Amino acid sequence: MQIDSITIPTSELTYGCLTAGDSGPLALCLHGFPDTAHGWRYLLPALADAGYRAVAPFMRGYAPTSMRPLPLIVGDELSPQQSHQLRRWRRR
């Protein structure tokens, strides 16, 4: 399974993401310090093969994701999931 790179613009940031799979439930893989989205490179294809749309965003402060002011960090992990681009991939 191939891993693709996409950007997801939200109202606060533009996220760089690694993705695998074209359809299915969303599997959002979040990294912490000091890791990056590349840490999920082996799991993304496995999730896609299992029927998920796997997305690993580069969190705020990690290129290529843009930055925003520090007081507004609480919703960072929710922003990609709430993006219209990701909602259209989610099967209901």
Protein backbone atom coordinates (compact mmCIF):
# COMPACT_ATOMS: atom_id res chain seq x y z
CA MET A 1 0.00 0.00 0.00
CA GLN A 2 1.33 3.40 -0.99
CA ILE A 3 1.65 6.32 1.44
CA ASP A 4 0.66 9.70 0.01
CA SER A 5 1.36 13.24 1.22
CA ILE A 6 -1.47 15.77 1.33
CA THR A 7 -2.14 19.18 2.86
CA ILE A 8 -5.35 19.92 4.74
CA PRO A 9 -6.28 23.57 5.22
CA THR A 10 -8.35 24.34 8.33
CA SER A 11 -9.50 27.65 9.75
CA GLU A 12 -6.44 27.78 12.04
CA LEU A 13 -3.60 25.89 10.31
CA THR A 14 -2.60 24.08 7.15
CA TYR A 15 -1.63 20.52 8.08
CA GLY A 16 0.80 18.38 6.17
CA CYS A 17 -0.31 14.74 6.41
CA LEU A 18 0.71 11.26 5.39
CA THR A 19 -2.21 9.09 4.25
CA ALA A 20 -2.97 5.55 3.16
CA GLY A 21 -6.24 4.04 2.02
CA ASP A 22 -9.01 5.64 -0.01
CA SER A 23 -12.11 4.84 2.00
CA GLY A 24 -13.37 3.37 5.25
CA PRO A 25 -13.48 4.68 8.79
CA LEU A 26 -10.91 7.32 9.69
CA ALA A 27 -7.87 6.16 11.68
CA LEU A 28 -6.16 9.33 12.90
CA CYS A 29 -2.57 8.63 14.00
CA LEU A 30 -1.15 11.45 16.16
CA HIS A 31 2.52 11.78 17.08
CA GLY A 32 4.12 13.42 20.07
CA PHE A 33 7.48 15.01 20.74
CA PRO A 34 10.06 14.19 19.45
CA ASP A 35 8.45 11.92 16.83
CA THR A 36 6.90 12.97 13.52
CA ALA A 37 4.18 11.58 11.28
CA HIS A 38 6.88 9.43 9.68
CA GLY A 39 6.80 7.29 12.84
CA TRP A 40 3.51 5.82 11.56
CA ARG A 41 4.93 4.84 8.14
CA TYR A 42 4.66 1.10 8.87
CA LEU A 43 1.24 1.25 10.52
CA LEU A 44 -0.50 3.42 7.87
CA PRO A 45 -0.39 0.74 5.13
CA ALA A 46 -1.50 -1.96 7.60
CA LEU A 47 -4.49 0.16 8.65
CA ALA A 48 -5.35 0.80 4.99
CA ASP A 49 -5.15 -2.93 4.21
CA ALA A 50 -7.54 -3.50 7.14
CA GLY A 51 -10.09 -1.16 5.51
CA TYR A 52 -9.31 2.19 7.17
CA ARG A 53 -8.54 5.62 5.76
CA ALA A 54 -5.33 6.21 7.78
CA VAL A 55 -4.12 9.78 8.26
CA ALA A 56 -1.02 10.91 10.20
CA PRO A 57 -0.81 14.70 10.44
CA PHE A 58 2.40 16.53 11.22
CA MET A 59 1.40 18.27 14.44
CA ARG A 60 1.83 22.01 15.02
CA GLY A 61 5.49 22.97 15.03
CA TYR A 62 6.55 20.16 12.69
CA ALA A 63 7.16 21.00 9.03
CA PRO A 64 5.26 21.10 6.74
CA THR A 65 2.39 22.08 9.09
CA SER A 66 2.01 25.82 9.63
CA MET A 67 2.18 27.54 13.04
CA ARG A 68 -0.39 29.51 15.04
CA PRO A 69 -0.23 31.49 18.30
CA LEU A 70 0.50 29.41 21.41
CA PRO A 71 -2.68 30.20 23.42
CA LEU A 72 -4.77 28.38 20.81
CA ILE A 73 -3.28 24.88 21.02
CA VAL A 74 -6.08 22.90 22.69
CA GLY A 75 -7.94 21.93 19.52
CA ASP A 76 -4.91 20.98 17.41
CA GLU A 77 -5.69 17.27 17.40
CA LEU A 78 -9.32 17.91 16.47
CA SER A 79 -8.70 20.29 13.56
CA PRO A 80 -7.69 17.65 10.97
CA GLN A 81 -10.63 15.43 11.93
CA GLN A 82 -13.05 18.34 11.56
CA SER A 83 -11.68 19.34 8.16
CA HIS A 84 -14.11 19.01 5.27
CA GLN A 85 -11.49 17.08 3.31
CA LEU A 86 -11.32 14.31 5.92
CA ARG A 87 -15.08 14.23 6.53
CA ARG A 88 -15.73 13.33 2.93
CA TRP A 89 -13.50 10.24 3.32
CA ARG A 90 -15.38 8.98 6.34
CA ARG A 91 -17.98 6.30 5.59
CA ARG A 92 -21.21 6.73 7.57
